[in-house]
Amino acid sequence: MIFHLTDPTRWAHSVAEGLHSGSSRGIELAEEGFIHCSTAQQWPATVERFYADAGELLLLHIDEALLAAPLVYEQVGNATEPFPHVYGPINLDAVVEVERLR
């Protein structure tokens, strides 16, 4: 299982569109080239570092076995472990749970 953070407005757009292409906060897949995700151990620190001042926040639980797009674990800066990146839009059937964090 991998995880992705998004806001309710962006997620509603994804549901209407039939796929999720938001990469990270305010950045789209087309701009970044991949969608930022985290492991179960990584997402809490990602919330603190990049979303501390965000309003409503959703955590998408993504079954990586159901992804249609390639998933690559890549080292980011001096992080202690690689982060999962999805190189294409996330198909909605791979999102097995949408958790409201706040």
Protein backbone atom coordinates (compact mmCIF):
# COMPACT_ATOMS: atom_id res chain seq x y z
CA MET A 1 0.00 0.00 0.00
CA ILE A 2 1.21 3.49 -0.85
CA PHE A 3 -0.34 6.81 0.14
CA HIS A 4 -1.00 10.16 -1.52
CA LEU A 5 -2.10 13.46 0.03
CA THR A 6 -4.59 15.73 -1.67
CA ASP A 7 -7.35 18.20 -0.83
CA PRO A 8 -11.09 17.53 -1.18
CA THR A 9 -11.50 19.95 -4.11
CA ARG A 10 -8.73 18.31 -6.13
CA TRP A 11 -10.09 14.85 -5.29
CA ALA A 12 -13.62 15.82 -6.39
CA HIS A 13 -12.14 16.97 -9.70
CA SER A 14 -10.34 13.62 -10.03
CA VAL A 15 -13.52 11.64 -9.35
CA ALA A 16 -15.38 13.69 -11.99
CA GLU A 17 -12.50 13.21 -14.45
CA GLY A 18 -12.15 9.48 -13.77
CA LEU A 19 -8.47 9.57 -12.78
CA HIS A 20 -6.18 11.44 -10.40
CA SER A 21 -3.41 13.57 -11.87
CA GLY A 22 -2.57 15.87 -8.96
CA SER A 23 1.14 15.42 -8.21
CA SER A 24 1.51 17.31 -4.96
CA ARG A 25 0.17 20.45 -3.35
CA GLY A 26 -0.74 22.79 -6.21
CA ILE A 27 1.30 20.87 -8.77
CA GLU A 28 -0.10 18.63 -11.50
CA LEU A 29 1.33 15.48 -13.08
CA ALA A 30 1.88 17.34 -16.36
CA GLU A 31 4.17 19.81 -14.57
CA GLU A 32 6.09 17.39 -12.32
CA GLY A 33 6.21 14.28 -14.49
CA PHE A 34 5.11 11.96 -11.70
CA ILE A 35 2.77 11.83 -8.70
CA HIS A 36 4.36 12.08 -5.27
CA CYS A 37 3.40 9.28 -2.88
CA SER A 38 4.62 7.96 0.46
CA THR A 39 4.88 4.71 2.34
CA ALA A 40 2.94 4.12 5.56
CA GLN A 41 6.00 5.25 7.53
CA GLN A 42 6.64 8.36 5.40
CA TRP A 43 3.26 10.07 5.04
CA PRO A 44 3.01 11.53 8.59
CA ALA A 45 6.31 13.41 8.13
CA THR A 46 5.19 14.53 4.68
CA VAL A 47 2.05 16.04 6.24
CA GLU A 48 4.15 17.92 8.81
CA ARG A 49 6.70 19.14 6.29
CA PHE A 50 4.55 20.11 3.31
CA TYR A 51 0.92 20.34 4.50
CA ALA A 52 1.16 21.80 8.03
CA ASP A 53 -0.71 24.94 7.00
CA ALA A 54 -3.18 23.19 4.68
CA GLY A 55 -6.88 23.16 5.44
CA GLU A 56 -8.87 20.01 4.72
CA LEU A 57 -6.66 17.12 3.75
CA LEU A 58 -7.33 13.64 2.38
CA LEU A 59 -5.08 10.60 2.47
CA LEU A 60 -5.57 8.29 -0.49
CA HIS A 61 -4.76 4.64 0.23
CA ILE A 62 -3.52 3.19 -3.05
CA ASP A 63 -3.12 -0.52 -3.75
CA GLU A 64 0.04 -0.49 -5.82
CA ALA A 65 -0.86 -3.84 -7.39
CA LEU A 66 -3.90 -2.15 -9.00
CA LEU A 67 -2.03 0.81 -10.52
CA ALA A 68 -2.16 1.08 -14.30
CA ALA A 69 0.80 3.52 -14.39
CA PRO A 70 4.39 2.57 -13.51
CA LEU A 71 5.46 2.89 -9.87
CA VAL A 72 9.11 3.67 -9.12
CA TYR A 73 10.75 4.02 -5.72
CA GLU A 74 13.29 6.84 -5.94
CA GLN A 75 15.75 8.47 -3.59
CA VAL A 76 14.82 12.09 -2.86
CA GLY A 77 17.56 14.38 -1.57
CA ASN A 78 19.07 13.03 1.63
CA ALA A 79 15.99 11.09 2.74
CA THR A 80 16.80 7.88 4.57
CA GLU A 81 14.66 5.77 2.24
CA PRO A 82 13.25 6.09 -1.30
CA PHE A 83 9.79 7.51 -1.96
CA PRO A 84 7.21 5.94 -4.30
CA HIS A 85 6.46 7.95 -7.44
CA VAL A 86 3.68 7.10 -9.90
CA TYR A 87 4.63 7.90 -13.49
CA GLY A 88 1.17 8.53 -14.88
CA PRO A 89 -2.32 9.25 -13.62
CA ILE A 90 -3.68 7.17 -10.75
CA ASN A 91 -6.64 5.06 -11.87
CA LEU A 92 -9.46 5.46 -9.36
CA ASP A 93 -9.97 1.73 -8.84
CA ALA A 94 -6.45 1.60 -7.32
CA VAL A 95 -7.62 3.98 -4.57
CA VAL A 96 -9.06 1.55 -2.03
CA GLU A 97 -9.75 4.09 0.73
CA VAL A 98 -10.05 7.85 1.07
CA GLU A 99 -9.30 8.95 4.63
CA ARG A 100 -10.13 12.44 5.85
CA LEU A 101 -7.19 13.64 7.97
CA ARG A 102 -8.69 17.01 8.91
